[in-house]
C-alpha atoms as a PDB file:
ATOM      1  CA  MET A   1     -31.724 -40.669 -29.227  1.00  0.00           C
ATOM      2  CA  ARG A   2     -28.247 -41.274 -27.852  1.00  0.00           C
ATOM      3  CA  HIS A   3     -26.098 -44.148 -28.911  1.00  0.00           C
ATOM      4  CA  ALA A   4     -25.027 -46.593 -26.264  1.00  0.00           C
ATOM      5  CA  HIS A   5     -21.549 -45.938 -24.900  1.00  0.00           C
ATOM      6  CA  PRO A   6     -19.285 -48.982 -24.868  1.00  0.00           C
ATOM      7  CA  GLY A   7     -17.784 -47.878 -21.516  1.00  0.00           C
ATOM      8  CA  ASP A   8     -14.184 -48.347 -22.677  1.00  0.00           C
ATOM      9  CA  GLU A   9     -12.358 -45.037 -22.309  1.00  0.00           C
ATOM     10  CA  ARG A  10      -8.847 -46.431 -22.304  1.00  0.00           C
ATOM     11  CA  ILE A  11      -6.322 -44.973 -24.693  1.00  0.00           C
ATOM     12  CA  SER A  12      -5.302 -47.510 -27.239  1.00  0.00           C
ATOM     13  CA  GLY A  13      -1.589 -47.838 -27.869  1.00  0.00           C
ATOM     14  CA  THR A  14       1.243 -46.640 -25.702  1.00  0.00           C
ATOM     15  CA  VAL A  15       1.810 -43.167 -24.333  1.00  0.00           C
ATOM     16  CA  PRO A  16       5.105 -41.685 -25.586  1.00  0.00           C
ATOM     17  CA  ALA A  17       7.943 -41.113 -23.145  1.00  0.00           C
ATOM     18  CA  ARG A  18       7.732 -37.859 -21.182  1.00  0.00           C
ATOM     19  CA  SER A  19      10.503 -36.079 -23.082  1.00  0.00           C
ATOM     20  CA  ALA A  20       8.851 -36.881 -26.403  1.00  0.00           C
ATOM     21  CA  PHE A  21       5.437 -35.880 -25.074  1.00  0.00           C
ATOM     22  CA  ASP A  22       6.393 -32.464 -23.582  1.00  0.00           C
ATOM     23  CA  PRO A  23       4.508 -29.834 -25.576  1.00  0.00           C
ATOM     24  CA  PRO A  24       6.431 -26.720 -26.670  1.00  0.00           C
ATOM     25  CA  ALA A  25       4.021 -24.504 -24.709  1.00  0.00           C
ATOM     26  CA  LYS A  26       5.053 -26.204 -21.471  1.00  0.00           C
ATOM     27  CA  LYS A  27       8.722 -25.474 -22.161  1.00  0.00           C
ATOM     28  CA  MET A  28       7.885 -21.881 -23.051  1.00  0.00           C
ATOM     29  CA  LEU A  29       5.977 -21.453 -19.781  1.00  0.00           C
ATOM     30  CA  ALA A  30       8.898 -22.890 -17.807  1.00  0.00           C
ATOM     31  CA  GLN A  31      11.292 -20.449 -19.488  1.00  0.00           C
ATOM     32  CA  LYS A  32       8.947 -17.519 -18.832  1.00  0.00           C
ATOM     33  CA  ARG A  33       8.565 -18.573 -15.190  1.00  0.00           C
ATOM     34  CA  LYS A  34      12.347 -18.706 -14.749  1.00  0.00           C
ATOM     35  CA  ALA A  35      12.736 -15.270 -16.368  1.00  0.00           C
ATOM     36  CA  LEU A  36      10.094 -13.815 -14.050  1.00  0.00           C
ATOM     37  CA  LEU A  37      11.735 -15.353 -10.976  1.00  0.00           C
ATOM     38  CA  ASP A  38      15.074 -13.889 -12.088  1.00  0.00           C
ATOM     39  CA  SER A  39      13.409 -10.466 -12.450  1.00  0.00           C
ATOM     40  CA  ILE A  40      11.849 -10.763  -8.987  1.00  0.00           C
ATOM     41  CA  ARG A  41      15.250 -11.677  -7.513  1.00  0.00           C
ATOM     42  CA  GLU A  42      16.863  -8.653  -9.180  1.00  0.00           C
ATOM     43  CA  LEU A  43      14.102  -6.338  -7.931  1.00  0.00           C
ATOM     44  CA  GLU A  44      14.439  -7.704  -4.399  1.00  0.00           C
ATOM     45  CA  GLU A  45      18.192  -7.028  -4.512  1.00  0.00           C
ATOM     46  CA  CYS A  46      17.554  -3.450  -5.686  1.00  0.00           C
ATOM     47  CA  ILE A  47      14.991  -2.878  -2.941  1.00  0.00           C
ATOM     48  CA  GLY A  48      17.448  -4.303  -0.407  1.00  0.00           C
ATOM     49  CA  TYR A  49      20.096  -1.826  -1.541  1.00  0.00           C
ATOM     50  CA  ILE A  50      17.635   1.077  -1.303  1.00  0.00           C
ATOM     51  CA  ASP A  51      16.636  -0.012   2.223  1.00  0.00           C
ATOM     52  CA  TRP A  52      20.308  -0.268   3.234  1.00  0.00           C
ATOM     53  CA  LYS A  53      21.029   3.210   1.825  1.00  0.00           C
ATOM     54  CA  GLN A  54      17.992   4.693   3.618  1.00  0.00           C
ATOM     55  CA  ASP A  55      19.200   3.172   6.902  1.00  0.00           C
ATOM     56  CA  PHE A  56      22.675   4.606   6.241  1.00  0.00           C
ATOM     57  CA  TYR A  57      21.270   8.109   5.718  1.00  0.00           C
ATOM     58  CA  ASP A  58      19.048   7.770   8.819  1.00  0.00           C
ATOM     59  CA  GLU A  59      22.139   6.907  10.891  1.00  0.00           C
ATOM     60  CA  VAL A  60      24.109   9.840   9.415  1.00  0.00           C
ATOM     61  CA  LEU A  61      21.259  12.275  10.078  1.00  0.00           C
ATOM     62  CA  SER A  62      20.823  11.042  13.652  1.00  0.00           C
ATOM     63  CA  GLY A  63      24.560  11.318  14.333  1.00  0.00           C
ATOM     64  CA  THR A  64      25.116   7.632  15.093  1.00  0.00           C
ATOM     65  CA  ARG A  65      27.314   7.254  12.016  1.00  0.00           C
ATOM     66  CA  PRO A  66      29.837   9.796  10.753  1.00  0.00           C
ATOM     67  CA  TYR A  67      29.400  10.857   7.150  1.00  0.00           C
ATOM     68  CA  VAL A  68      32.303   9.760   4.971  1.00  0.00           C
ATOM     69  CA  SER A  69      32.440  10.572   1.271  1.00  0.00           C
ATOM     70  CA  ASN A  70      34.664   8.885  -1.267  1.00  0.00           C
ATOM     71  CA  LEU A  71      33.823  11.642  -3.747  1.00  0.00           C
ATOM     72  CA  ILE A  72      34.258  14.833  -1.713  1.00  0.00           C
ATOM     73  CA  PRO A  73      37.636  15.396   0.014  1.00  0.00           C
ATOM     74  CA  ALA A  74      37.354  15.787   3.807  1.00  0.00           C
ATOM     75  CA  GLU A  75      38.817  19.315   3.749  1.00  0.00           C
ATOM     76  CA  ASN A  76      35.922  20.451   1.503  1.00  0.00           C
ATOM     77  CA  LEU A  77      33.445  19.119   4.079  1.00  0.00           C
ATOM     78  CA  MET A  78      35.127  21.118   6.848  1.00  0.00           C
ATOM     79  CA  ASP A  79      34.747  24.377   4.873  1.00  0.00           C
ATOM     80  CA  SER A  80      30.962  24.174   4.718  1.00  0.00           C
END
């Protein structure tokens, strides 16, 4: 047999201020989320660079852009 429920489900007392009530797990999740977003941003920048470099090589191979090297002197390119 079940006991009768008084019907009063209010929390007695006051609820602490938000900053005092924030559980540590919530802060940890926020930090982890920020770290993941930073990682995503870094990966997107890397992918952007790779895409730019691929476009550069496509233009060089098609002849629309001359190949210029900062590492190999121009006279060495003429010899090959």
